[in-house]
C-alpha atoms as a PDB file:
ATOM      1  CA  MET A   1      15.050   5.424   1.105  1.00  0.00           C
ATOM      2  CA  LEU A   2      17.597   2.709   1.902  1.00  0.00           C
ATOM      3  CA  LEU A   3      15.323   1.359   4.621  1.00  0.00           C
ATOM      4  CA  VAL A   4      12.434   1.120   2.161  1.00  0.00           C
ATOM      5  CA  VAL A   5      14.597  -0.768  -0.361  1.00  0.00           C
ATOM      6  CA  ALA A   6      15.900  -3.103   2.353  1.00  0.00           C
ATOM      7  CA  ALA A   7      12.361  -3.754   3.606  1.00  0.00           C
ATOM      8  CA  PHE A   8      11.214  -4.503   0.058  1.00  0.00           C
ATOM      9  CA  ILE A   9      14.055  -6.982  -0.482  1.00  0.00           C
ATOM     10  CA  VAL A  10      13.342  -8.734   2.828  1.00  0.00           C
ATOM     11  CA  ALA A  11       9.641  -8.944   2.034  1.00  0.00           C
ATOM     12  CA  PHE A  12      10.370 -10.304  -1.460  1.00  0.00           C
ATOM     13  CA  VAL A  13      12.701 -12.974  -0.096  1.00  0.00           C
ATOM     14  CA  LEU A  14      10.157 -14.007   2.544  1.00  0.00           C
ATOM     15  CA  LEU A  15       7.483 -14.270  -0.154  1.00  0.00           C
ATOM     16  CA  LEU A  16       9.710 -16.539  -2.225  1.00  0.00           C
ATOM     17  CA  TYR A  17      10.358 -18.735   0.807  1.00  0.00           C
ATOM     18  CA  MET A  18       6.598 -18.995   1.396  1.00  0.00           C
ATOM     19  CA  ILE A  19       5.647 -19.948  -2.159  1.00  0.00           C
ATOM     20  CA  SER A  20       8.669 -22.186  -2.774  1.00  0.00           C
ATOM     21  CA  PRO A  21       7.011 -25.336  -1.336  1.00  0.00           C
ATOM     22  CA  LEU A  22       4.033 -24.782  -3.645  1.00  0.00           C
ATOM     23  CA  ILE A  23       6.121 -25.173  -6.797  1.00  0.00           C
ATOM     24  CA  SER A  24       8.434 -27.920  -5.509  1.00  0.00           C
ATOM     25  CA  PRO A  25       7.721 -31.547  -6.521  1.00  0.00           C
ATOM     26  CA  ASN A  26       5.493 -33.660  -4.324  1.00  0.00           C
ATOM     27  CA  PRO A  27       7.531 -36.171  -2.289  1.00  0.00           C
ATOM     28  CA  LEU A  28       7.553 -39.759  -3.536  1.00  0.00           C
ATOM     29  CA  LYS A  29       5.932 -42.218  -1.131  1.00  0.00           C
ATOM     30  CA  LEU A  30       8.277 -45.151  -0.606  1.00  0.00           C
ATOM     31  CA  ASN A  31       5.730 -47.343   1.167  1.00  0.00           C
ATOM     32  CA  GLY A  32       4.724 -49.869  -1.494  1.00  0.00           C
ATOM     33  CA  ALA A  33       7.015 -48.330  -4.136  1.00  0.00           C
ATOM     34  CA  HIS A  34       9.286 -50.444  -6.338  1.00  0.00           C
ATOM     35  CA  VAL A  35      12.914 -49.324  -6.020  1.00  0.00           C
ATOM     36  CA  VAL A  36      15.645 -50.751  -8.250  1.00  0.00           C
ATOM     37  CA  VAL A  37      19.212 -50.390  -6.943  1.00  0.00           C
ATOM     38  CA  THR A  38      22.150 -51.209  -9.213  1.00  0.00           C
ATOM     39  CA  GLY A  39      25.384 -51.964  -7.408  1.00  0.00           C
ATOM     40  CA  GLY A  40      23.100 -53.073  -4.604  1.00  0.00           C
ATOM     41  CA  SER A  41      25.137 -55.967  -3.266  1.00  0.00           C
ATOM     42  CA  SER A  42      27.473 -53.888  -1.090  1.00  0.00           C
ATOM     43  CA  GLY A  43      28.517 -50.438   0.080  1.00  0.00           C
ATOM     44  CA  ILE A  44      26.330 -47.401  -0.543  1.00  0.00           C
ATOM     45  CA  GLY A  45      23.970 -49.300  -2.860  1.00  0.00           C
ATOM     46  CA  LYS A  46      23.146 -51.926  -0.241  1.00  0.00           C
ATOM     47  CA  CYS A  47      22.609 -49.259   2.414  1.00  0.00           C
ATOM     48  CA  ILE A  48      20.286 -47.312   0.096  1.00  0.00           C
ATOM     49  CA  ALA A  49      18.262 -50.496  -0.449  1.00  0.00           C
ATOM     50  CA  MET A  50      18.061 -51.025   3.322  1.00  0.00           C
ATOM     51  CA  GLU A  51      16.993 -47.427   3.903  1.00  0.00           C
ATOM     52  CA  CYS A  52      14.208 -47.690   1.311  1.00  0.00           C
ATOM     53  CA  TYR A  53      13.091 -51.038   2.747  1.00  0.00           C
ATOM     54  CA  LYS A  54      12.748 -49.414   6.156  1.00  0.00           C
ATOM     55  CA  HIS A  55      10.144 -47.142   4.555  1.00  0.00           C
ATOM     56  CA  GLY A  56       8.112 -50.006   3.122  1.00  0.00           C
ATOM     57  CA  ALA A  57       9.525 -50.221  -0.400  1.00  0.00           C
ATOM     58  CA  PHE A  58       9.824 -53.322  -2.570  1.00  0.00           C
ATOM     59  CA  ILE A  59      13.438 -53.746  -3.690  1.00  0.00           C
ATOM     60  CA  THR A  60      15.202 -55.138  -6.746  1.00  0.00           C
ATOM     61  CA  LEU A  61      18.923 -55.557  -6.139  1.00  0.00           C
ATOM     62  CA  VAL A  62      21.075 -55.629  -9.276  1.00  0.00           C
ATOM     63  CA  ALA A  63      24.766 -56.570  -9.266  1.00  0.00           C
ATOM     64  CA  ARG A  64      27.217 -59.004 -10.871  1.00  0.00           C
ATOM     65  CA  ASP A  65      28.179 -61.230  -7.941  1.00  0.00           C
ATOM     66  CA  GLU A  66      25.381 -63.709  -7.123  1.00  0.00           C
ATOM     67  CA  HIS A  67      26.893 -64.697  -3.769  1.00  0.00           C
ATOM     68  CA  LYS A  68      27.094 -61.092  -2.589  1.00  0.00           C
ATOM     69  CA  LEU A  69      23.536 -60.502  -3.821  1.00  0.00           C
ATOM     70  CA  VAL A  70      22.219 -63.355  -1.704  1.00  0.00           C
ATOM     71  CA  GLN A  71      24.009 -62.015   1.379  1.00  0.00           C
ATOM     72  CA  ALA A  72      22.751 -58.476   0.707  1.00  0.00           C
ATOM     73  CA  LYS A  73      19.185 -59.776   0.274  1.00  0.00           C
ATOM     74  CA  LYS A  74      19.298 -61.289   3.773  1.00  0.00           C
ATOM     75  CA  GLU A  75      20.543 -58.015   5.281  1.00  0.00           C
ATOM     76  CA  VAL A  76      17.909 -55.938   3.502  1.00  0.00           C
ATOM     77  CA  GLU A  77      15.097 -58.284   4.521  1.00  0.00           C
ATOM     78  CA  LYS A  78      15.951 -57.688   8.189  1.00  0.00           C
ATOM     79  CA  CYS A  79      14.808 -54.074   7.687  1.00  0.00           C
ATOM     80  CA  ALA A  80      11.230 -55.008   6.714  1.00  0.00           C
ATOM     81  CA  ILE A  81       8.341 -53.111   8.293  1.00  0.00           C
ATOM     82  CA  ASN A  82       5.622 -55.451   7.012  1.00  0.00           C
ATOM     83  CA  ASP A  83       5.305 -59.025   5.757  1.00  0.00           C
ATOM     84  CA  LYS A  84       4.272 -58.007   2.238  1.00  0.00           C
ATOM     85  CA  GLN A  85       7.648 -56.584   1.256  1.00  0.00           C
ATOM     86  CA  VAL A  86       9.819 -58.458  -1.231  1.00  0.00           C
ATOM     87  CA  VAL A  87      13.511 -58.313  -2.175  1.00  0.00           C
ATOM     88  CA  LEU A  88      14.310 -59.528  -5.681  1.00  0.00           C
ATOM     89  CA  CYS A  89      17.899 -60.259  -6.785  1.00  0.00           C
ATOM     90  CA  ILE A  90      19.127 -60.074 -10.376  1.00  0.00           C
ATOM     91  CA  SER A  91      22.694 -60.863 -11.420  1.00  0.00           C
ATOM     92  CA  VAL A  92      23.777 -58.884 -14.486  1.00  0.00           C
ATOM     93  CA  ASP A  93      26.586 -56.559 -15.592  1.00  0.00           C
ATOM     94  CA  VAL A  94      24.741 -53.297 -16.265  1.00  0.00           C
ATOM     95  CA  SER A  95      27.647 -51.895 -18.299  1.00  0.00           C
ATOM     96  CA  LYS A  96      27.913 -54.560 -21.003  1.00  0.00           C
ATOM     97  CA  ASP A  97      24.768 -55.280 -23.014  1.00  0.00           C
ATOM     98  CA  TYR A  98      21.798 -52.894 -23.096  1.00  0.00           C
ATOM     99  CA  ASN A  99      19.400 -55.542 -24.382  1.00  0.00           C
ATOM    100  CA  GLN A 100      20.254 -57.764 -21.426  1.00  0.00           C
ATOM    101  CA  VAL A 101      19.766 -54.896 -18.979  1.00  0.00           C
ATOM    102  CA  GLU A 102      16.429 -54.030 -20.571  1.00  0.00           C
ATOM    103  CA  SER A 103      15.377 -57.663 -20.294  1.00  0.00           C
ATOM    104  CA  VAL A 104      16.135 -57.985 -16.568  1.00  0.00           C
ATOM    105  CA  ILE A 105      14.416 -54.670 -15.786  1.00  0.00           C
ATOM    106  CA  LYS A 106      11.357 -55.979 -17.611  1.00  0.00           C
ATOM    107  CA  GLN A 107      11.492 -59.144 -15.481  1.00  0.00           C
ATOM    108  CA  ALA A 108      11.689 -57.076 -12.306  1.00  0.00           C
ATOM    109  CA  GLN A 109       8.698 -54.981 -13.349  1.00  0.00           C
ATOM    110  CA  GLU A 110       6.654 -58.083 -14.152  1.00  0.00           C
ATOM    111  CA  LYS A 111       7.284 -59.401 -10.628  1.00  0.00           C
ATOM    112  CA  LEU A 112       7.185 -56.239  -8.501  1.00  0.00           C
ATOM    113  CA  GLY A 113       5.391 -53.713 -10.697  1.00  0.00           C
ATOM    114  CA  PRO A 114       6.595 -50.571 -12.492  1.00  0.00           C
ATOM    115  CA  VAL A 115       9.792 -48.987 -11.222  1.00  0.00           C
ATOM    116  CA  ASP A 116       9.044 -45.936  -9.083  1.00  0.00           C
ATOM    117  CA  MET A 117      12.668 -45.105  -8.291  1.00  0.00           C
ATOM    118  CA  LEU A 118      15.895 -46.180  -9.968  1.00  0.00           C
ATOM    119  CA  VAL A 119      19.143 -45.826  -8.034  1.00  0.00           C
ATOM    120  CA  ASN A 120      22.212 -45.998 -10.292  1.00  0.00           C
ATOM    121  CA  CYS A 121      24.910 -46.970  -7.821  1.00  0.00           C
ATOM    122  CA  ALA A 122      26.972 -49.468  -9.823  1.00  0.00           C
ATOM    123  CA  GLY A 123      30.484 -48.119 -10.134  1.00  0.00           C
ATOM    124  CA  THR A 124      34.160 -48.646  -9.643  1.00  0.00           C
ATOM    125  CA  SER A 125      37.206 -46.510  -8.967  1.00  0.00           C
ATOM    126  CA  ILE A 126      40.911 -46.520  -9.645  1.00  0.00           C
ATOM    127  CA  SER A 127      43.458 -43.846  -8.909  1.00  0.00           C
ATOM    128  CA  GLY A 128      46.923 -43.167 -10.180  1.00  0.00           C
ATOM    129  CA  LYS A 129      48.972 -40.647 -12.082  1.00  0.00           C
ATOM    130  CA  PHE A 130      47.745 -40.119 -15.639  1.00  0.00           C
ATOM    131  CA  GLU A 131      50.715 -41.682 -17.419  1.00  0.00           C
ATOM    132  CA  GLU A 132      50.732 -44.651 -15.040  1.00  0.00           C
ATOM    133  CA  VAL A 133      47.096 -45.675 -15.560  1.00  0.00           C
ATOM    134  CA  GLU A 134      46.718 -48.366 -18.206  1.00  0.00           C
ATOM    135  CA  VAL A 135      44.875 -47.021 -21.244  1.00  0.00           C
ATOM    136  CA  ASP A 136      42.147 -49.674 -21.189  1.00  0.00           C
ATOM    137  CA  ARG A 137      41.205 -48.608 -17.633  1.00  0.00           C
ATOM    138  CA  PHE A 138      39.944 -45.262 -18.953  1.00  0.00           C
ATOM    139  CA  LYS A 139      37.525 -47.148 -21.182  1.00  0.00           C
ATOM    140  CA  LYS A 140      36.549 -49.523 -18.375  1.00  0.00           C
ATOM    141  CA  LEU A 141      35.623 -46.725 -15.994  1.00  0.00           C
ATOM    142  CA  MET A 142      33.494 -44.953 -18.600  1.00  0.00           C
ATOM    143  CA  GLU A 143      31.685 -48.218 -19.310  1.00  0.00           C
ATOM    144  CA  VAL A 144      30.957 -49.030 -15.680  1.00  0.00           C
ATOM    145  CA  ASN A 145      30.414 -45.580 -14.168  1.00  0.00           C
ATOM    146  CA  TYR A 146      28.696 -43.905 -17.120  1.00  0.00           C
ATOM    147  CA  LEU A 147      27.144 -46.528 -19.430  1.00  0.00           C
ATOM    148  CA  GLY A 148      26.340 -48.610 -16.345  1.00  0.00           C
ATOM    149  CA  SER A 149      23.950 -45.782 -15.430  1.00  0.00           C
ATOM    150  CA  VAL A 150      22.751 -44.981 -18.947  1.00  0.00           C
ATOM    151  CA  TYR A 151      21.500 -48.513 -19.681  1.00  0.00           C
ATOM    152  CA  PRO A 152      19.254 -49.035 -16.604  1.00  0.00           C
ATOM    153  CA  THR A 153      17.924 -45.491 -16.944  1.00  0.00           C
ATOM    154  CA  ARG A 154      17.087 -46.037 -20.585  1.00  0.00           C
ATOM    155  CA  ALA A 155      15.250 -49.207 -19.590  1.00  0.00           C
ATOM    156  CA  VAL A 156      12.878 -47.483 -17.119  1.00  0.00           C
ATOM    157  CA  VAL A 157      12.134 -44.036 -18.550  1.00  0.00           C
ATOM    158  CA  THR A 158       9.463 -45.103 -21.046  1.00  0.00           C
ATOM    159  CA  THR A 159       7.266 -46.640 -18.350  1.00  0.00           C
ATOM    160  CA  MET A 160       7.911 -43.716 -16.017  1.00  0.00           C
ATOM    161  CA  LYS A 161       6.811 -41.274 -18.721  1.00  0.00           C
ATOM    162  CA  GLU A 162       3.663 -43.293 -19.387  1.00  0.00           C
ATOM    163  CA  ARG A 163       2.826 -43.191 -15.666  1.00  0.00           C
ATOM    164  CA  ARG A 164       3.950 -39.561 -15.393  1.00  0.00           C
ATOM    165  CA  MET A 165       5.909 -40.178 -12.211  1.00  0.00           C
ATOM    166  CA  GLY A 166       9.277 -41.432 -11.033  1.00  0.00           C
ATOM    167  CA  ARG A 167      12.657 -40.742  -9.519  1.00  0.00           C
ATOM    168  CA  ILE A 168      16.066 -41.424 -11.072  1.00  0.00           C
ATOM    169  CA  MET A 169      19.209 -41.163  -8.974  1.00  0.00           C
ATOM    170  CA  PHE A 170      22.821 -41.082 -10.142  1.00  0.00           C
ATOM    171  CA  VAL A 171      25.498 -41.663  -7.513  1.00  0.00           C
ATOM    172  CA  SER A 172      28.460 -39.552  -8.604  1.00  0.00           C
ATOM    173  CA  SER A 173      31.236 -38.361  -6.281  1.00  0.00           C
ATOM    174  CA  GLN A 174      32.881 -35.189  -5.040  1.00  0.00           C
ATOM    175  CA  ALA A 175      35.509 -36.143  -7.622  1.00  0.00           C
ATOM    176  CA  GLY A 176      32.693 -35.658 -10.135  1.00  0.00           C
ATOM    177  CA  GLN A 177      32.424 -32.001  -9.122  1.00  0.00           C
ATOM    178  CA  ILE A 178      36.070 -31.045  -9.303  1.00  0.00           C
ATOM    179  CA  GLY A 179      39.007 -32.823 -10.925  1.00  0.00           C
ATOM    180  CA  LEU A 180      41.583 -34.037  -8.432  1.00  0.00           C
ATOM    181  CA  PHE A 181      45.146 -35.329  -8.536  1.00  0.00           C
ATOM    182  CA  GLY A 182      45.153 -39.062  -9.215  1.00  0.00           C
ATOM    183  CA  TYR A 183      41.627 -39.204 -10.632  1.00  0.00           C
ATOM    184  CA  THR A 184      42.230 -38.550 -14.336  1.00  0.00           C
ATOM    185  CA  ALA A 185      40.393 -41.795 -15.159  1.00  0.00           C
ATOM    186  CA  TYR A 186      37.777 -41.682 -12.404  1.00  0.00           C
ATOM    187  CA  SER A 187      36.709 -38.012 -12.346  1.00  0.00           C
ATOM    188  CA  PRO A 188      35.640 -37.791 -16.032  1.00  0.00           C
ATOM    189  CA  SER A 189      33.407 -40.847 -15.657  1.00  0.00           C
ATOM    190  CA  LYS A 190      31.663 -39.205 -12.702  1.00  0.00           C
ATOM    191  CA  PHE A 191      31.539 -35.749 -14.320  1.00  0.00           C
ATOM    192  CA  ALA A 192      29.692 -37.393 -17.218  1.00  0.00           C
ATOM    193  CA  LEU A 193      26.816 -38.325 -14.897  1.00  0.00           C
ATOM    194  CA  ARG A 194      26.140 -34.690 -14.137  1.00  0.00           C
ATOM    195  CA  GLY A 195      25.902 -33.799 -17.825  1.00  0.00           C
ATOM    196  CA  LEU A 196      23.548 -36.716 -18.374  1.00  0.00           C
ATOM    197  CA  ALA A 197      21.452 -35.770 -15.347  1.00  0.00           C
ATOM    198  CA  GLU A 198      21.106 -32.112 -16.338  1.00  0.00           C
ATOM    199  CA  ALA A 199      19.982 -32.932 -19.877  1.00  0.00           C
ATOM    200  CA  LEU A 200      17.717 -35.750 -18.703  1.00  0.00           C
ATOM    201  CA  GLN A 201      16.033 -33.591 -16.056  1.00  0.00           C
ATOM    202  CA  MET A 202      15.109 -31.064 -18.725  1.00  0.00           C
ATOM    203  CA  GLU A 203      13.437 -33.840 -20.731  1.00  0.00           C
ATOM    204  CA  MET A 204      11.759 -35.579 -17.809  1.00  0.00           C
ATOM    205  CA  LYS A 205      10.379 -32.687 -15.741  1.00  0.00           C
ATOM    206  CA  PRO A 206       7.216 -32.265 -17.886  1.00  0.00           C
ATOM    207  CA  TYR A 207       6.400 -35.885 -17.022  1.00  0.00           C
ATOM    208  CA  ASN A 208       6.755 -35.361 -13.243  1.00  0.00           C
ATOM    209  CA  ILE A 209       9.999 -37.355 -13.202  1.00  0.00           C
ATOM    210  CA  TYR A 210      12.808 -35.925 -11.091  1.00  0.00           C
ATOM    211  CA  VAL A 211      16.525 -36.635 -11.269  1.00  0.00           C
ATOM    212  CA  THR A 212      18.962 -36.539  -8.346  1.00  0.00           C
ATOM    213  CA  VAL A 213      22.762 -36.493  -8.532  1.00  0.00           C
ATOM    214  CA  ALA A 214      24.517 -37.489  -5.318  1.00  0.00           C
ATOM    215  CA  TYR A 215      28.072 -36.325  -4.593  1.00  0.00           C
ATOM    216  CA  PRO A 216      29.338 -38.341  -1.611  1.00  0.00           C
ATOM    217  CA  PRO A 217      32.869 -37.889  -0.294  1.00  0.00           C
ATOM    218  CA  ASP A 218      35.088 -40.881   0.489  1.00  0.00           C
ATOM    219  CA  THR A 219      32.826 -43.483   2.081  1.00  0.00           C
ATOM    220  CA  ASP A 220      33.800 -46.480   4.191  1.00  0.00           C
ATOM    221  CA  THR A 221      32.932 -49.241   1.697  1.00  0.00           C
ATOM    222  CA  PRO A 222      34.729 -52.326   0.329  1.00  0.00           C
ATOM    223  CA  GLY A 223      35.355 -50.415  -2.907  1.00  0.00           C
ATOM    224  CA  PHE A 224      36.991 -47.542  -1.034  1.00  0.00           C
ATOM    225  CA  ALA A 225      39.200 -49.956   0.905  1.00  0.00           C
ATOM    226  CA  GLU A 226      40.327 -51.608  -2.318  1.00  0.00           C
ATOM    227  CA  GLU A 227      41.027 -48.281  -4.036  1.00  0.00           C
ATOM    228  CA  SER A 228      43.060 -47.035  -1.052  1.00  0.00           C
ATOM    229  CA  LYS A 229      45.604 -49.832  -1.541  1.00  0.00           C
ATOM    230  CA  THR A 230      47.028 -48.132  -4.652  1.00  0.00           C
ATOM    231  CA  LYS A 231      45.982 -44.518  -4.131  1.00  0.00           C
ATOM    232  CA  PRO A 232      48.837 -41.981  -4.538  1.00  0.00           C
ATOM    233  CA  LEU A 233      49.786 -40.271  -1.295  1.00  0.00           C
ATOM    234  CA  GLU A 234      48.884 -36.861  -2.743  1.00  0.00           C
ATOM    235  CA  THR A 235      45.375 -38.145  -3.520  1.00  0.00           C
ATOM    236  CA  LYS A 236      45.007 -39.567  -0.010  1.00  0.00           C
ATOM    237  CA  LEU A 237      45.998 -36.273   1.616  1.00  0.00           C
ATOM    238  CA  ILE A 238      43.599 -34.279  -0.584  1.00  0.00           C
ATOM    239  CA  SER A 239      40.746 -36.710   0.082  1.00  0.00           C
ATOM    240  CA  GLU A 240      41.318 -36.586   3.830  1.00  0.00           C
ATOM    241  CA  THR A 241      40.353 -32.907   3.875  1.00  0.00           C
ATOM    242  CA  SER A 242      36.709 -34.058   3.556  1.00  0.00           C
ATOM    243  CA  GLY A 243      36.928 -37.033   5.925  1.00  0.00           C
ATOM    244  CA  VAL A 244      35.335 -40.453   5.458  1.00  0.00           C
ATOM    245  CA  CYS A 245      31.561 -40.970   5.665  1.00  0.00           C
ATOM    246  CA  GLN A 246      29.682 -44.093   6.708  1.00  0.00           C
ATOM    247  CA  PRO A 247      27.503 -45.645   3.964  1.00  0.00           C
ATOM    248  CA  GLU A 248      24.435 -45.678   6.243  1.00  0.00           C
ATOM    249  CA  GLN A 249      24.780 -41.923   6.703  1.00  0.00           C
ATOM    250  CA  VAL A 250      25.125 -41.363   2.972  1.00  0.00           C
ATOM    251  CA  ALA A 251      22.094 -43.565   2.267  1.00  0.00           C
ATOM    252  CA  LYS A 252      19.808 -41.581   4.580  1.00  0.00           C
ATOM    253  CA  ILE A 253      20.694 -38.279   2.931  1.00  0.00           C
ATOM    254  CA  VAL A 254      20.529 -39.623  -0.627  1.00  0.00           C
ATOM    255  CA  VAL A 255      17.141 -41.272  -0.142  1.00  0.00           C
ATOM    256  CA  LYS A 256      15.708 -38.175   1.516  1.00  0.00           C
ATOM    257  CA  ASP A 257      16.886 -35.916  -1.331  1.00  0.00           C
ATOM    258  CA  ALA A 258      15.657 -38.295  -4.040  1.00  0.00           C
ATOM    259  CA  VAL A 259      12.229 -38.637  -2.417  1.00  0.00           C
ATOM    260  CA  GLN A 260      11.968 -34.838  -2.250  1.00  0.00           C
ATOM    261  CA  GLY A 261      13.028 -34.552  -5.891  1.00  0.00           C
ATOM    262  CA  ASN A 262      16.152 -32.503  -5.140  1.00  0.00           C
ATOM    263  CA  PHE A 263      18.534 -32.358  -8.079  1.00  0.00           C
ATOM    264  CA  THR A 264      21.702 -32.179  -5.955  1.00  0.00           C
ATOM    265  CA  SER A 265      22.499 -34.282  -2.915  1.00  0.00           C
ATOM    266  CA  SER A 266      25.603 -33.311  -0.954  1.00  0.00           C
ATOM    267  CA  PHE A 267      27.084 -34.274   2.411  1.00  0.00           C
ATOM    268  CA  GLY A 268      28.294 -32.126   5.276  1.00  0.00           C
ATOM    269  CA  PRO A 269      29.452 -28.480   5.286  1.00  0.00           C
ATOM    270  CA  ASP A 270      32.307 -29.096   2.821  1.00  0.00           C
ATOM    271  CA  GLY A 271      29.988 -30.996   0.501  1.00  0.00           C
ATOM    272  CA  TYR A 272      27.402 -28.229   0.574  1.00  0.00           C
ATOM    273  CA  MET A 273      30.030 -25.568  -0.120  1.00  0.00           C
ATOM    274  CA  LEU A 274      31.488 -27.594  -2.988  1.00  0.00           C
ATOM    275  CA  SER A 275      28.025 -28.068  -4.507  1.00  0.00           C
ATOM    276  CA  ALA A 276      27.301 -24.347  -4.216  1.00  0.00           C
ATOM    277  CA  LEU A 277      30.652 -23.399  -5.751  1.00  0.00           C
ATOM    278  CA  THR A 278      30.184 -25.791  -8.681  1.00  0.00           C
ATOM    279  CA  CYS A 279      26.420 -25.387  -9.183  1.00  0.00           C
ATOM    280  CA  GLY A 280      26.836 -23.535 -12.486  1.00  0.00           C
ATOM    281  CA  MET A 281      23.536 -23.781 -14.365  1.00  0.00           C
ATOM    282  CA  SER A 282      22.357 -27.007 -12.740  1.00  0.00           C
ATOM    283  CA  PRO A 283      18.602 -27.240 -12.079  1.00  0.00           C
ATOM    284  CA  VAL A 284      17.310 -26.089  -8.698  1.00  0.00           C
ATOM    285  CA  THR A 285      14.384 -27.812  -7.040  1.00  0.00           C
ATOM    286  CA  SER A 286      13.076 -24.779  -5.211  1.00  0.00           C
ATOM    287  CA  ILE A 287      13.397 -21.007  -5.152  1.00  0.00           C
ATOM    288  CA  THR A 288      14.856 -21.326  -1.664  1.00  0.00           C
ATOM    289  CA  GLU A 289      17.683 -23.511  -2.929  1.00  0.00           C
ATOM    290  CA  GLY A 290      18.446 -21.066  -5.734  1.00  0.00           C
ATOM    291  CA  LEU A 291      18.575 -18.098  -3.361  1.00  0.00           C
ATOM    292  CA  GLN A 292      20.857 -19.941  -0.951  1.00  0.00           C
ATOM    293  CA  GLN A 293      23.282 -20.876  -3.715  1.00  0.00           C
ATOM    294  CA  GLU A 294      23.284 -17.351  -5.115  1.00  0.00           C
ATOM    295  CA  ALA A 295      23.931 -15.777  -1.722  1.00  0.00           C
ATOM    296  CA  PHE A 296      26.689 -18.235  -0.859  1.00  0.00           C
ATOM    297  CA  VAL A 297      28.522 -17.823  -4.161  1.00  0.00           C
ATOM    298  CA  GLU A 298      28.251 -14.037  -4.060  1.00  0.00           C
ATOM    299  CA  LEU A 299      29.459 -13.710  -0.480  1.00  0.00           C
ATOM    300  CA  TYR A 300      32.007 -16.500  -0.179  1.00  0.00           C
ATOM    301  CA  GLY A 301      32.456 -18.136  -3.576  1.00  0.00           C
ATOM    302  CA  ARG A 302      35.876 -17.030  -4.760  1.00  0.00           C
ATOM    303  CA  GLN A 303      37.324 -16.957  -1.250  1.00  0.00           C
ATOM    304  CA  ARG A 304      36.293 -20.531  -0.485  1.00  0.00           C
ATOM    305  CA  ASP A 305      37.325 -21.653  -3.963  1.00  0.00           C
ATOM    306  CA  SER A 306      40.767 -20.163  -3.402  1.00  0.00           C
ATOM    307  CA  VAL A 307      41.073 -21.871  -0.019  1.00  0.00           C
ATOM    308  CA  PHE A 308      40.160 -25.284  -1.449  1.00  0.00           C
ATOM    309  CA  ARG A 309      42.453 -25.010  -4.459  1.00  0.00           C
ATOM    310  CA  SER A 310      45.423 -23.458  -2.682  1.00  0.00           C
ATOM    311  CA  SER A 311      45.299 -26.177  -0.017  1.00  0.00           C
ATOM    312  CA  TRP A 312      45.211 -28.985  -2.575  1.00  0.00           C
ATOM    313  CA  SER A 313      47.819 -27.341  -4.803  1.00  0.00           C
ATOM    314  CA  SER A 314      50.221 -26.951  -1.901  1.00  0.00           C
ATOM    315  CA  ILE A 315      50.040 -30.708  -1.240  1.00  0.00           C
ATOM    316  CA  VAL A 316      50.871 -31.520  -4.855  1.00  0.00           C
ATOM    317  CA  THR A 317      53.602 -28.861  -5.003  1.00  0.00           C
ATOM    318  CA  VAL A 318      55.341 -30.118  -1.874  1.00  0.00           C
ATOM    319  CA  PHE A 319      55.448 -33.669  -3.211  1.00  0.00           C
ATOM    320  CA  GLY A 320      56.531 -32.440  -6.623  1.00  0.00           C
ATOM    321  CA  LEU A 321      59.454 -30.546  -5.142  1.00  0.00           C
ATOM    322  CA  ALA A 322      60.342 -33.553  -3.006  1.00  0.00           C
ATOM    323  CA  ALA A 323      60.395 -35.723  -6.102  1.00  0.00           C
ATOM    324  CA  LEU A 324      62.573 -33.239  -7.946  1.00  0.00           C
ATOM    325  CA  GLY A 325      64.913 -33.097  -4.955  1.00  0.00           C
ATOM    326  CA  ALA A 326      65.224 -36.875  -4.976  1.00  0.00           C
ATOM    327  CA  VAL A 327      66.023 -36.810  -8.692  1.00  0.00           C
ATOM    328  CA  GLY A 328      68.613 -34.094  -8.077  1.00  0.00           C
ATOM    329  CA  LEU A 329      70.302 -36.122  -5.348  1.00  0.00           C
ATOM    330  CA  THR A 330      70.392 -39.163  -7.616  1.00  0.00           C
ATOM    331  CA  ILE A 331      71.964 -37.179 -10.434  1.00  0.00           C
ATOM    332  CA  GLY A 332      74.438 -35.578  -8.024  1.00  0.00           C
ATOM    333  CA  ALA A 333      75.509 -38.943  -6.679  1.00  0.00           C
ATOM    334  CA  TYR A 334      75.956 -40.254 -10.208  1.00  0.00           C
ATOM    335  CA  LEU A 335      78.111 -37.270 -11.242  1.00  0.00           C
ATOM    336  CA  ALA A 336      80.189 -37.565  -8.074  1.00  0.00           C
ATOM    337  CA  GLN A 337      80.997 -41.156  -8.981  1.00  0.00           C
ATOM    338  CA  LYS A 338      82.170 -39.959 -12.403  1.00  0.00           C
END
């Protein structure tokens, strides 16, 4: 009897694997597609633009710094595969004025055609202990990391719905999957993207529009280098458990997942495990993906979760005790003087 049940389960799983590609979204063809990349003047955004250009896409780079945009345009153009491709640059702060963002997106569409894929990569990061972060920085990060993705998305969805096709990508972070020491301002702004993406995917799926949320680990970019200058030691040690990725590597994976219409894009074994552990009720692109997540969580979920958390907690605890010890020595020295 047990053998019959086991055989039935195996056959059922194999059937799901076979029919899964039939109900998954059709891949988006990048050759000739119009891809808009916010935060496209450097780092991951620039590398995503280059990766799409290598596949024949037309690119609109959006960022604040005109000088950096011009330099990025030259780098992207080197990746051309035909002489028809165009790189358009637009200087605007996507987090400030929605009407202005809507206007520049309209300009881009008039020049290069409707937007086939939007990559929301504009963002910034700061780290520090909660009580040491200036209050206005919490607002700033929500404006840039969250509203800076809401505004461009709002500007393209109407046309995408009319055409009944499109891809929308939000570049979050592993710190947008789990709250970490030192990221009380940064993590919430990246967590917000997941909530937006989940709700938006439910609205957009009937129109053949698919949303992707990318969760890269620390990546070797100018923004990461700047953030590292003031990052608490505890935060550095926790982050180092996932290593540092190269932006070109991240771009390849992100573009591939977005083209396929995958909701989640993660990086490396740790990234995959973290995505599986925190998947909750997020959309799944295929039956295969759902089965893999279910099996992983059932077999290893709590154990891996405990390993992650206990490792990070031990780092914070050690430094906390060290700080208390330093305070104790200071007090002791003061009392001895008395």
